[in-house]
Amino acid sequence: MTSEDNSPEPLLRVMSLHALSYCERLFYLEEVEEIRIADDSVYAGRTLHEELKQAEEEAGEWTSVELASETLGLIGKTDAIRRRDGALIPYEHKRGHAFKEGKVAKAWPADALQVSAYGMLLEEESGRVVPEGRVRYHGDNVTVRVPLDDAARRAVTDAVVRGRVLRQSTERPPVAKNDRVCIRCSLSPVCLPEEERLASNPKWEPIRLFPADIERKTVHVVEPGARISRSEETLKVEVGGTELLVFPIHDVGAIVLHGYPQMTTQALHLCARNEVAVHWISMGGYYVTGITPGAGPVQRRLRQYQALSDPGVCFRLARRLALAKVATELRYLMRSARGPQRTSDQLRETIGALQASLKQMAHAEGVDVLRGIEGNAARLYFAALDTLVRPDVEPELRFSGRNRRPPKDRFNALLSFGYALLYQAVLNAVLAVGLEPALGFYHTPRSAAHPLVLDLMELFRLPVWDIAVIGSVNRLQWNPESDFEIAGGRVWLSIEGRKKAIRLFEDRLEETWKHPVVGYSMSYGRLIELEVRLLEKEWAGKPGLFGRMRLR
């Protein structure tokens, strides 16, 4: 079979047939979109195979062979091949338990399909009849025989045909009808099957399959003259030849370079191979640029382009985004105004005006009208922000209105620096999901900033950074002199100020929050990724969950 450009049809991995039998969506995510996550069970399986390989090589029994066939359209590497009763037999080793029919142990359908495929490959390679395959279940300490009969052969050829059909499609298959298969799937955090079922059925009570916290941390380098280099599988940070820190690469999710630290080519290569993003933020606190390993698979970006080329889809998403942002601003001001001692005439007027803005948004026609209403709501929100600052805060740290590029006061310097950190965090999530950051639905492309990242930032500016900044100012954590630098009417954070702000930001990302729609708690760092994946669901699954988060 050949594609339209007459190039040979790529061979399917035998392992992919296992995924196909288990769940077509899993097959598509792994084989078409090339999303693979090595969870604990995967690492445990690899450990088992390494231990078996070492033991059996010592005994002279292990024979693992890579087999391929253009005729069958398959390629794969067997766990083992044995000679039994004069015949060659492929073996598969599984950590878990066999399927039980009464007291009889049998192979699970996906395992039987996989070992049968190896049997057919081995038969073609050796030119000898392979009567069966065998699956060793180490959880039960039993070996199950799988006859390579006509039914098994048809199952393999049918699976190859189905796999080829799915590989030609740009549409993801639906989630599995049997929700139990999703519970132990390593790609549940990408697939979000429980959330998709919730979108179809509001009464569905989703089981948490999405991780609560970010496993890999962000490393910020702020020291002047710092140098980041590679030492085997670690990154070293040195200043003036003195080693300050060493990070195992597998513990790092992103590196943010503030100012002008140096990073060696070897260190950059190590980051690229391990999917570690690198971002640069200027001394003035602006996001400069970033590099991320590879581009997202074309299927995901084609779906995004097709969806966001539709003005109706863009307007629906833009309205939901604007409503979420303004509703969060309103709820924050209302929550902060509780108690007569904190209520001012200005705050009451702002709350009333924001409530009116929400009503206007519900009936707005067109994205431009929506932007106008949301922009006016933002001005109202910022105008009221200083009423939330304690009266005894030093005048230099008070807020008198939003200004930027460059910030002209200390409060705005804090806001701008935090928004730059938030930009890189959202960009990381967008690229991790595999979306094109330059293609958004609300912001227009007017600068080097990616519109989709700016769109998604609107959901998180207030809960992730504004609240943290106001809280820190009210706790008198900032020194107006040592934490800031002023020159020519421009204000930015000093090295010490940056360190404080980074700690504040990273601590905030680790705080947990219960999502009002999905009903489970997660860190703000994970929440950013979840909202990006829910956005993708708007055109690659079940729509309706994106942009429904609200500050309580």
Protein backbone atom coordinates (compact mmCIF):
# COMPACT_ATOMS: atom_id res chain seq x y z
CA MET A 1 0.00 0.00 0.00
CA THR A 2 1.35 3.45 -0.90
CA SER A 3 0.29 7.00 -0.14
CA GLU A 4 -0.63 9.60 -2.76
CA ASP A 5 3.00 10.69 -3.16
CA ASN A 6 3.91 7.06 -4.08
CA SER A 7 6.16 6.70 -1.02
CA PRO A 8 5.87 3.38 0.82
CA GLU A 9 3.32 3.14 3.61
CA PRO A 10 5.29 3.37 6.88
CA LEU A 11 5.37 0.11 8.80
CA LEU A 12 3.26 -0.14 11.93
CA ARG A 13 4.98 -1.00 15.18
CA VAL A 14 3.77 -4.30 16.58
CA MET A 15 3.48 -2.56 19.95
CA SER A 16 0.96 -0.19 18.37
CA LEU A 17 -1.41 -3.11 17.70
CA HIS A 18 -1.54 -3.65 21.46
CA ALA A 19 -2.65 -0.02 21.89
CA LEU A 20 -5.12 -0.35 18.98
CA SER A 21 -6.78 -3.37 20.56
CA TYR A 22 -6.93 -1.61 23.93
CA CYS A 23 -8.29 1.73 22.67
CA GLU A 24 -8.28 3.31 19.20
CA ARG A 25 -7.80 6.75 20.70
CA LEU A 26 -4.68 5.53 22.54
CA PHE A 27 -3.33 4.17 19.24
CA TYR A 28 -4.00 7.49 17.51
CA LEU A 29 -2.35 9.59 20.21
CA GLU A 30 0.75 7.39 20.31
CA GLU A 31 1.23 6.48 16.66
CA VAL A 32 -0.23 9.43 14.77
CA GLU A 33 0.33 12.36 17.12
CA GLU A 34 3.43 10.71 18.61
CA ILE A 35 2.46 11.45 22.22
CA ARG A 36 4.06 8.96 24.56
CA ILE A 37 4.37 9.24 28.33
CA ALA A 38 6.56 6.89 30.34
CA ASP A 39 4.71 6.48 33.64
CA ASP A 40 5.62 4.25 36.59
CA SER A 41 4.14 1.14 34.97
CA VAL A 42 6.14 1.73 31.79
CA TYR A 43 9.37 2.13 33.74
CA ALA A 44 8.53 -1.00 35.76
CA GLY A 45 7.98 -2.94 32.52
CA ARG A 46 11.32 -1.79 31.16
CA THR A 47 13.02 -2.86 34.39
CA LEU A 48 11.40 -6.30 34.15
CA HIS A 49 12.62 -6.79 30.60
CA GLU A 50 16.15 -5.69 31.46
CA GLU A 51 16.26 -8.11 34.40
CA LEU A 52 14.93 -10.98 32.28
CA LYS A 53 17.32 -10.19 29.47
CA GLN A 54 20.32 -10.25 31.79
CA ALA A 55 19.26 -13.47 33.51
CA GLU A 56 18.47 -15.34 30.31
CA GLU A 57 21.54 -14.12 28.47
CA GLU A 58 23.60 -15.61 31.29
CA ALA A 59 21.73 -18.87 30.81
CA GLY A 60 22.21 -18.70 27.03
CA GLU A 61 18.45 -18.65 26.31
CA TRP A 62 17.51 -15.08 25.48
CA THR A 63 16.91 -14.37 21.81
CA SER A 64 15.38 -10.98 21.05
CA VAL A 65 15.17 -10.18 17.34
CA GLU A 66 13.90 -7.18 15.39
CA LEU A 67 11.58 -8.33 12.62
CA ALA A 68 10.00 -6.40 9.75
CA SER A 69 7.76 -7.22 6.80
CA GLU A 70 6.56 -5.02 3.94
CA THR A 71 3.97 -7.68 3.17
CA LEU A 72 2.46 -7.59 6.64
CA GLY A 73 3.16 -3.88 7.11
CA LEU A 74 4.70 -4.49 10.54
CA ILE A 75 7.95 -3.96 12.40
CA GLY A 76 8.84 -4.92 15.94
CA LYS A 77 11.28 -6.49 18.35
CA THR A 78 10.25 -9.68 20.12
CA ASP A 79 10.75 -10.08 23.85
CA ALA A 80 12.16 -13.58 23.26
CA ILE A 81 12.19 -16.47 20.81
CA ARG A 82 12.41 -20.07 22.05
CA ARG A 83 12.72 -23.40 20.32
CA ARG A 84 10.00 -25.68 21.71
CA ASP A 85 9.17 -29.15 20.35
CA GLY A 86 11.17 -28.40 17.21
CA ALA A 87 9.31 -25.14 16.48
CA LEU A 88 10.24 -21.48 16.97
CA ILE A 89 7.93 -19.76 19.44
CA PRO A 90 7.73 -15.98 20.13
CA TYR A 91 7.33 -15.00 23.79
CA GLU A 92 5.91 -11.85 25.33
CA HIS A 93 6.57 -10.96 29.00
CA LYS A 94 3.93 -8.99 30.95
CA ARG A 95 4.18 -7.70 34.50
CA GLY A 96 0.49 -8.06 35.26
CA HIS A 97 -2.03 -10.84 35.61
CA ALA A 98 -3.62 -13.04 32.98
CA PHE A 99 -7.28 -12.85 32.00
CA LYS A 100 -9.24 -15.42 34.01
CA GLU A 101 -12.11 -17.46 32.59
CA GLY A 102 -13.16 -19.35 35.65
CA LYS A 103 -9.91 -20.79 36.90
CA VAL A 104 -8.36 -20.95 33.44
CA ALA A 105 -5.70 -18.33 32.63
CA LYS A 106 -5.95 -16.82 29.16
CA ALA A 107 -4.21 -14.03 27.28
CA TRP A 108 -5.81 -10.63 27.17
CA PRO A 109 -7.01 -9.76 23.62
CA ALA A 110 -4.37 -7.04 23.17
CA ASP A 111 -1.58 -9.37 24.33
CA ALA A 112 -2.83 -12.18 22.07
CA LEU A 113 -2.89 -9.81 19.08
CA GLN A 114 0.65 -8.63 19.79
CA VAL A 115 2.21 -12.08 20.18
CA SER A 116 0.31 -13.33 17.10
CA ALA A 117 1.80 -10.50 15.05
CA TYR A 118 5.26 -11.50 16.20
CA GLY A 119 4.46 -15.08 15.24
CA MET A 120 3.53 -14.06 11.69
CA LEU A 121 6.68 -11.94 11.38
CA LEU A 122 8.82 -14.78 12.67
CA GLU A 123 7.17 -17.19 10.25
CA GLU A 124 7.99 -14.97 7.26
CA GLU A 125 11.55 -14.36 8.47
CA SER A 126 12.38 -18.00 9.16
CA GLY A 127 10.33 -19.66 6.40
CA ARG A 128 9.01 -22.12 8.98
CA VAL A 129 5.52 -22.64 10.39
CA VAL A 130 5.01 -20.97 13.76
CA PRO A 131 2.16 -22.81 15.51
CA GLU A 132 1.63 -20.46 18.45
CA GLY A 133 2.88 -17.62 20.57
CA ARG A 134 3.18 -17.55 24.34
CA VAL A 135 2.59 -14.81 26.91
CA ARG A 136 4.27 -15.00 30.30
CA TYR A 137 2.28 -13.20 33.04
CA HIS A 138 4.68 -12.57 35.90
CA GLY A 139 1.91 -11.39 38.22
CA ASP A 140 0.48 -14.95 38.20
CA ASN A 141 3.71 -16.79 37.31
CA VAL A 142 1.90 -18.50 34.42
CA THR A 143 2.54 -18.87 30.69
CA VAL A 144 -0.46 -18.75 28.37
CA ARG A 145 -0.42 -20.30 24.88
CA VAL A 146 -1.97 -18.38 21.99
CA PRO A 147 -2.62 -20.57 18.88
CA LEU A 148 -1.63 -18.89 15.63
CA ASP A 149 -4.76 -20.10 13.84
CA ASP A 150 -6.83 -18.53 11.07
CA ALA A 151 -8.77 -16.35 13.53
CA ALA A 152 -5.56 -14.98 15.06
CA ARG A 153 -4.11 -14.23 11.60
CA ARG A 154 -7.30 -12.41 10.51
CA ALA A 155 -7.21 -10.37 13.70
CA VAL A 156 -3.67 -9.20 12.89
CA THR A 157 -4.37 -8.30 9.26
CA ASP A 158 -7.63 -6.54 10.21
CA ALA A 159 -5.77 -4.55 12.88
CA VAL A 160 -3.13 -3.45 10.37
CA VAL A 161 -5.83 -2.26 7.95
CA ARG A 162 -7.58 -0.35 10.73
CA GLY A 163 -4.32 1.17 11.93
CA ARG A 164 -3.56 2.44 8.42
CA VAL A 165 -7.00 4.02 8.16
CA LEU A 166 -6.57 5.82 11.48
CA ARG A 167 -3.10 6.97 10.51
CA GLN A 168 -4.49 8.75 7.44
CA SER A 169 -7.08 10.66 9.47
CA THR A 170 -6.67 14.09 11.06
CA GLU A 171 -9.53 13.42 13.50
CA ARG A 172 -8.99 11.73 16.84
CA PRO A 173 -11.22 8.71 17.51
CA PRO A 174 -13.72 9.15 20.37
CA VAL A 175 -12.85 8.18 23.92
CA ALA A 176 -13.40 4.55 24.87
CA LYS A 177 -16.98 3.59 25.69
CA ASN A 178 -15.72 1.50 28.61
CA ASP A 179 -14.48 4.12 31.07
CA ARG A 180 -12.60 1.49 33.08
CA VAL A 181 -9.91 1.16 30.40
CA CYS A 182 -9.00 4.82 30.94
CA ILE A 183 -8.14 4.50 34.63
CA ARG A 184 -4.76 2.84 34.09
CA CYS A 185 -3.90 4.47 30.76
CA SER A 186 -0.68 6.51 30.79
CA LEU A 187 -2.15 9.00 28.30
CA SER A 188 -5.24 9.91 30.34
CA PRO A 189 -3.68 13.30 31.28
CA VAL A 190 -3.48 14.09 27.55
CA CYS A 191 -6.70 12.45 26.41
CA LEU A 192 -8.83 13.80 29.32
CA PRO A 193 -11.50 11.12 28.86
CA GLU A 194 -13.30 11.88 32.13
CA GLU A 195 -13.54 15.57 31.29
CA GLU A 196 -14.87 14.72 27.83
CA ARG A 197 -17.56 12.53 29.38
CA LEU A 198 -18.43 15.42 31.71
CA ALA A 199 -18.84 17.71 28.69
CA SER A 200 -21.34 15.23 27.22
CA ASN A 201 -23.10 14.53 30.50
CA PRO A 202 -23.17 17.31 33.15
CA LYS A 203 -24.21 14.72 35.76
CA TRP A 204 -21.05 12.68 35.21
CA GLU A 205 -18.76 12.65 38.24
CA PRO A 206 -15.24 12.57 36.80
CA ILE A 207 -12.51 10.51 38.39
CA ARG A 208 -9.26 12.44 38.71
CA LEU A 209 -6.88 11.13 36.04
CA PHE A 210 -5.12 14.48 35.57
CA PRO A 211 -2.01 14.99 37.75
CA ALA A 212 -2.42 17.44 40.64
CA ASP A 213 1.09 18.91 40.48
CA ILE A 214 3.86 19.69 38.02
CA GLU A 215 6.53 17.00 38.36
CA ARG A 216 9.35 18.88 36.59
CA LYS A 217 10.35 22.26 37.97
CA THR A 218 11.32 25.56 36.37
CA VAL A 219 14.87 26.79 37.04
CA HIS A 220 15.38 30.57 37.07
CA VAL A 221 18.92 31.92 36.63
CA VAL A 222 19.25 35.55 37.72
CA GLU A 223 22.86 35.90 38.86
CA PRO A 224 24.95 38.25 36.64
CA GLY A 225 27.72 36.37 34.90
CA ALA A 226 26.14 32.97 35.51
CA ARG A 227 27.11 30.14 33.17
CA ILE A 228 24.99 27.01 32.55
CA SER A 229 26.84 23.98 31.25
CA ARG A 230 26.34 20.25 30.89
CA SER A 231 27.88 17.50 32.98
CA GLU A 232 26.65 14.13 31.68
CA GLU A 233 22.88 14.13 32.41
CA THR A 234 22.92 17.21 34.65
CA LEU A 235 22.99 20.98 34.25
CA LYS A 236 25.52 22.99 36.26
CA VAL A 237 25.16 26.64 37.19
CA GLU A 238 28.45 28.44 37.88
CA VAL A 239 29.32 32.04 38.73
CA GLY A 240 32.92 33.14 38.48
CA GLY A 241 34.09 29.54 38.24
CA THR A 242 32.28 28.57 41.46
CA GLU A 243 29.66 25.86 41.11
CA LEU A 244 26.39 27.01 42.69
CA LEU A 245 23.82 24.38 41.73
CA VAL A 246 23.50 21.08 39.88
CA PHE A 247 20.17 19.89 38.43
CA PRO A 248 19.43 16.41 37.02
CA ILE A 249 17.95 17.08 33.59
CA HIS A 250 14.95 14.81 34.24
CA ASP A 251 13.89 17.05 37.14
CA VAL A 252 13.79 20.19 34.97
CA GLY A 253 10.82 21.28 32.86
CA ALA A 254 12.07 24.71 31.79
CA ILE A 255 14.96 27.11 32.27
CA VAL A 256 14.41 30.87 32.45
CA LEU A 257 17.45 33.09 31.92
CA HIS A 258 17.09 36.61 33.35
CA GLY A 259 19.38 39.18 31.82
CA TYR A 260 22.53 37.80 30.21
CA PRO A 261 23.56 34.42 31.66
CA GLN A 262 25.57 32.25 29.28
CA MET A 263 24.46 28.76 28.27
CA THR A 264 26.71 26.33 26.41
CA THR A 265 25.71 24.59 23.20
CA GLN A 266 26.08 21.23 24.94
CA ALA A 267 23.62 22.32 27.63
CA LEU A 268 21.15 23.51 25.00
CA HIS A 269 21.41 20.17 23.19
CA LEU A 270 20.76 18.32 26.46
CA CYS A 271 17.66 20.45 27.03
CA ALA A 272 16.40 19.84 23.50
CA ARG A 273 16.81 16.07 23.76
CA ASN A 274 14.91 16.02 27.06
CA GLU A 275 12.13 18.42 26.03
CA VAL A 276 13.27 21.17 28.37
CA ALA A 277 12.28 24.65 27.16
CA VAL A 278 14.67 27.59 27.52
CA HIS A 279 13.34 31.15 27.88
CA TRP A 280 15.02 34.57 28.02
CA ILE A 281 13.66 37.55 30.01
CA SER A 282 15.34 40.93 29.68
CA MET A 283 16.83 42.99 32.51
CA GLY A 284 13.79 45.22 32.14
CA GLY A 285 11.48 42.30 32.88
CA TYR A 286 10.20 41.69 29.33
CA TYR A 287 9.84 38.28 27.74
CA VAL A 288 12.40 38.17 24.91
CA THR A 289 12.17 34.74 23.29
CA GLY A 290 12.30 31.03 23.94
CA ILE A 291 13.25 27.75 22.34
CA THR A 292 11.33 24.53 22.65
CA PRO A 293 12.20 21.12 21.24
CA GLY A 294 10.52 20.37 17.93
CA ALA A 295 7.15 21.40 16.56
CA GLY A 296 3.81 19.92 17.45
CA PRO A 297 2.55 17.11 15.23
CA VAL A 298 0.80 18.49 12.18
CA GLN A 299 -2.57 16.86 12.98
CA ARG A 300 -3.04 18.97 16.10
CA ARG A 301 -2.13 22.19 14.35
CA LEU A 302 -4.30 21.43 11.33
CA ARG A 303 -7.31 20.95 13.60
CA GLN A 304 -6.49 24.21 15.38
CA TYR A 305 -6.14 26.10 12.09
CA GLN A 306 -9.41 24.71 10.74
CA ALA A 307 -11.27 25.59 13.93
CA LEU A 308 -9.85 29.09 14.41
CA SER A 309 -10.41 29.94 10.75
CA ASP A 310 -14.13 29.92 11.60
CA PRO A 311 -15.22 33.38 12.89
CA GLY A 312 -18.11 31.75 14.75
CA VAL A 313 -15.80 29.50 16.73
CA CYS A 314 -13.48 32.40 17.52
CA PHE A 315 -16.33 34.59 18.74
CA ARG A 316 -17.75 31.80 20.92
CA LEU A 317 -14.36 31.24 22.56
CA ALA A 318 -13.67 34.98 22.85
CA ARG A 319 -16.98 35.61 24.62
CA ARG A 320 -16.34 32.79 27.07
CA LEU A 321 -12.81 34.08 27.74
CA ALA A 322 -13.93 37.67 28.30
CA LEU A 323 -16.78 36.59 30.56
CA ALA A 324 -14.42 34.46 32.63
CA LYS A 325 -11.90 37.29 33.01
CA VAL A 326 -14.40 39.97 34.01
CA ALA A 327 -16.35 37.61 36.30
CA THR A 328 -13.10 36.79 38.10
CA GLU A 329 -12.27 40.50 38.47
CA LEU A 330 -15.75 41.15 39.82
CA ARG A 331 -15.64 38.29 42.31
CA TYR A 332 -12.20 39.32 43.54
CA LEU A 333 -13.30 42.89 44.19
CA MET A 334 -16.51 41.72 45.87
CA ARG A 335 -14.58 39.29 48.06
CA SER A 336 -12.04 41.98 48.97
CA ALA A 337 -14.79 44.44 49.80
CA ARG A 338 -16.40 42.28 52.47
CA GLY A 339 -16.84 44.19 55.69
CA PRO A 340 -17.89 47.84 56.03
CA GLN A 341 -14.35 48.95 56.89
CA ARG A 342 -13.13 47.93 53.43
CA THR A 343 -16.01 49.20 51.33
CA SER A 344 -15.52 52.52 49.56
CA ASP A 345 -17.78 54.43 47.23
CA GLN A 346 -15.30 53.84 44.40
CA LEU A 347 -15.26 50.09 45.01
CA ARG A 348 -19.07 49.91 45.09
CA GLU A 349 -19.28 51.87 41.85
CA THR A 350 -16.68 49.63 40.19
CA ILE A 351 -18.52 46.48 41.26
CA GLY A 352 -21.76 47.83 39.79
CA ALA A 353 -20.02 48.81 36.55
CA LEU A 354 -18.42 45.35 36.19
CA GLN A 355 -21.80 43.70 36.73
CA ALA A 356 -23.17 45.86 33.93
CA SER A 357 -20.22 44.88 31.72
CA LEU A 358 -21.03 41.20 32.14
CA LYS A 359 -24.60 41.82 30.98
CA GLN A 360 -23.33 43.76 27.96
CA MET A 361 -20.93 40.94 27.04
CA ALA A 362 -23.74 38.40 27.06
CA HIS A 363 -25.42 40.35 24.24
CA ALA A 364 -22.35 41.69 22.40
CA GLU A 365 -22.22 41.09 18.66
CA GLY A 366 -18.76 40.72 17.22
CA VAL A 367 -15.28 40.35 18.68
CA ASP A 368 -14.49 44.07 18.33
CA VAL A 369 -17.48 45.03 20.48
CA LEU A 370 -16.49 42.38 22.99
CA ARG A 371 -12.93 43.72 23.16
CA GLY A 372 -14.27 47.23 23.80
CA ILE A 373 -16.42 46.10 26.73
CA GLU A 374 -13.66 43.94 28.20
CA GLY A 375 -11.08 46.75 27.80
CA ASN A 376 -13.31 49.18 29.67
CA ALA A 377 -13.86 46.57 32.41
CA ALA A 378 -10.08 46.19 32.74
CA ARG A 379 -9.68 49.94 33.20
CA LEU A 380 -12.35 49.89 35.91
CA TYR A 381 -10.64 46.99 37.66
CA PHE A 382 -7.20 48.63 37.67
CA ALA A 383 -8.68 51.95 38.80
CA ALA A 384 -10.05 50.19 41.90
CA LEU A 385 -6.97 48.11 42.65
CA ASP A 386 -5.34 50.60 45.00
CA THR A 387 -8.36 50.43 47.31
CA LEU A 388 -7.23 46.87 48.14
CA VAL A 389 -3.81 48.06 49.34
CA ARG A 390 -3.45 48.68 53.08
CA PRO A 391 -3.40 52.37 54.12
CA ASP A 392 -0.05 51.98 55.92
CA VAL A 393 1.80 50.75 52.80
CA GLU A 394 4.58 53.19 51.80
CA PRO A 395 3.56 55.67 49.10
CA GLU A 396 6.28 54.38 46.73
CA LEU A 397 4.58 50.97 46.62
CA ARG A 398 1.03 52.15 46.04
CA PHE A 399 -0.81 51.73 42.73
CA SER A 400 -2.01 54.74 40.80
CA GLY A 401 -2.99 53.13 37.49
CA ARG A 402 -1.59 50.71 34.94
CA ASN A 403 1.44 51.77 32.92
CA ARG A 404 4.03 49.66 31.11
CA ARG A 405 6.79 49.55 28.48
CA PRO A 406 8.45 50.78 30.57
CA PRO A 407 6.83 50.63 34.02
CA LYS A 408 7.02 54.02 35.72
CA ASP A 409 6.49 52.92 39.32
CA ARG A 410 7.28 49.99 41.59
CA PHE A 411 3.82 48.40 41.62
CA ASN A 412 3.69 48.32 37.82
CA ALA A 413 7.23 46.92 37.70
CA LEU A 414 5.98 44.03 39.86
CA LEU A 415 2.93 43.47 37.64
CA SER A 416 4.96 43.51 34.41
CA PHE A 417 7.66 41.18 35.72
CA GLY A 418 5.09 38.67 36.94
CA TYR A 419 3.21 38.81 33.65
CA ALA A 420 6.47 37.99 31.83
CA LEU A 421 6.88 34.93 34.06
CA LEU A 422 3.25 34.00 33.42
CA TYR A 423 3.78 34.37 29.67
CA GLN A 424 6.57 31.77 29.67
CA ALA A 425 4.50 29.42 31.85
CA VAL A 426 1.51 29.63 29.50
CA LEU A 427 3.74 29.32 26.42
CA ASN A 428 5.25 26.16 27.93
CA ALA A 429 1.78 24.68 28.36
CA VAL A 430 0.66 25.63 24.84
CA LEU A 431 3.69 23.97 23.29
CA ALA A 432 3.42 20.93 25.56
CA VAL A 433 -0.12 20.39 24.28
CA GLY A 434 1.16 20.80 20.71
CA LEU A 435 -0.79 23.89 19.67
CA GLU A 436 0.46 26.75 17.50
CA PRO A 437 0.95 29.76 19.84
CA ALA A 438 0.81 32.27 16.97
CA LEU A 439 -2.79 31.33 16.10
CA GLY A 440 -5.24 32.75 18.63
CA PHE A 441 -8.89 33.73 18.74
CA TYR A 442 -9.06 36.98 20.74
CA HIS A 443 -5.87 39.05 20.62
CA THR A 444 -4.74 40.43 17.29
CA PRO A 445 -1.09 39.89 16.25
CA ARG A 446 0.44 43.32 16.89
CA SER A 447 3.81 42.47 18.44
CA ALA A 448 6.27 39.62 18.87
CA ALA A 449 4.03 38.12 21.57
CA HIS A 450 2.03 35.07 20.51
CA PRO A 451 -1.73 35.80 20.34
CA LEU A 452 -2.84 32.41 21.70
CA VAL A 453 -0.57 32.82 24.73
CA LEU A 454 -1.98 36.31 25.35
CA ASP A 455 -5.49 34.89 25.04
CA LEU A 456 -4.92 32.22 27.66
CA MET A 457 -3.06 34.57 29.99
CA GLU A 458 -6.29 36.49 30.51
CA LEU A 459 -7.61 33.60 32.59
CA PHE A 460 -4.61 33.65 34.94
CA ARG A 461 -3.33 37.20 35.36
CA LEU A 462 -5.50 37.87 38.39
CA PRO A 463 -5.58 34.50 40.20
CA VAL A 464 -1.90 33.69 39.66
CA TRP A 465 -0.19 37.07 39.93
CA ASP A 466 -2.40 40.05 40.88
CA ILE A 467 -3.58 38.35 44.07
CA ALA A 468 -0.03 37.32 44.95
CA VAL A 469 1.34 40.83 44.38
CA ILE A 470 -1.34 42.62 46.39
CA GLY A 471 -0.92 40.12 49.22
CA SER A 472 2.85 40.59 49.28
CA VAL A 473 2.54 44.40 49.23
CA ASN A 474 0.05 44.29 52.11
CA ARG A 475 2.43 42.03 54.05
CA LEU A 476 5.12 44.70 53.60
CA GLN A 477 7.48 42.23 51.88
CA TRP A 478 9.03 44.75 49.49
CA ASN A 479 11.78 47.25 50.17
CA PRO A 480 11.23 50.32 47.98
CA GLU A 481 14.97 50.96 47.81
CA SER A 482 16.83 47.63 47.60
CA ASP A 483 14.24 45.65 45.61
CA PHE A 484 13.97 48.14 42.74
CA GLU A 485 16.16 50.12 40.37
CA ILE A 486 15.17 53.46 38.86
CA ALA A 487 16.78 55.25 35.93
CA GLY A 488 15.45 57.77 33.45
CA GLY A 489 11.88 57.43 34.67
CA ARG A 490 11.94 53.65 34.24
CA VAL A 491 11.50 51.25 37.14
CA TRP A 492 12.47 47.60 37.24
CA LEU A 493 13.33 44.99 39.82
CA SER A 494 16.84 44.64 41.21
CA ILE A 495 18.51 41.22 41.43
CA GLU A 496 17.18 40.79 44.96
CA GLY A 497 13.75 41.99 43.89
CA ARG A 498 13.71 39.49 41.03
CA LYS A 499 14.57 36.66 43.39
CA LYS A 500 11.69 37.64 45.67
CA ALA A 501 9.27 37.90 42.75
CA ILE A 502 10.34 34.54 41.31
CA ARG A 503 9.86 32.83 44.68
CA LEU A 504 6.44 34.47 45.00
CA PHE A 505 5.45 33.36 41.49
CA GLU A 506 6.69 29.77 41.82
CA ASP A 507 5.08 29.42 45.25
CA ARG A 508 1.82 30.63 43.79
CA LEU A 509 2.00 28.05 40.98
CA GLU A 510 2.32 25.32 43.62
CA GLU A 511 -0.77 26.45 45.54
CA THR A 512 -3.83 24.27 44.93
CA TRP A 513 -7.25 25.31 43.71
CA LYS A 514 -10.44 23.35 43.20
CA HIS A 515 -11.66 23.69 39.64
CA PRO A 516 -15.36 24.61 39.75
CA VAL A 517 -16.25 22.53 36.69
CA VAL A 518 -14.23 19.33 36.89
CA GLY A 519 -14.56 19.32 40.68
CA TYR A 520 -11.04 18.30 41.71
CA SER A 521 -8.10 20.26 43.08
CA MET A 522 -4.77 20.87 41.40
CA SER A 523 -1.90 23.33 41.52
CA TYR A 524 -2.14 26.54 39.51
CA GLY A 525 0.75 25.23 37.42
CA ARG A 526 -1.33 22.22 36.42
CA LEU A 527 -4.42 24.35 36.01
CA ILE A 528 -2.73 26.29 33.21
CA GLU A 529 -2.05 23.08 31.30
CA LEU A 530 -5.58 21.79 31.95
CA GLU A 531 -7.18 24.90 30.47
CA VAL A 532 -5.00 24.60 27.36
CA ARG A 533 -6.09 20.97 26.95
CA LEU A 534 -9.72 21.94 27.53
CA LEU A 535 -9.31 24.58 24.81
CA GLU A 536 -8.09 21.90 22.42
CA LYS A 537 -11.19 19.88 23.32
CA GLU A 538 -13.24 22.67 21.71
CA TRP A 539 -12.23 21.31 18.30
CA ALA A 540 -10.72 17.86 19.06
CA GLY A 541 -13.26 16.32 21.40
CA LYS A 542 -16.27 17.51 23.33
CA PRO A 543 -16.54 21.33 23.59
CA GLY A 544 -17.97 23.30 26.46
CA LEU A 545 -15.52 23.10 29.38
CA PHE A 546 -12.91 25.69 28.39
CA GLY A 547 -13.07 29.13 30.03
CA ARG A 548 -15.61 28.18 32.68
CA MET A 549 -13.25 28.62 35.63
CA ARG A 550 -14.17 31.46 37.98
CA LEU A 551 -12.58 32.77 41.15
CA ARG A 552 -14.75 31.70 44.04
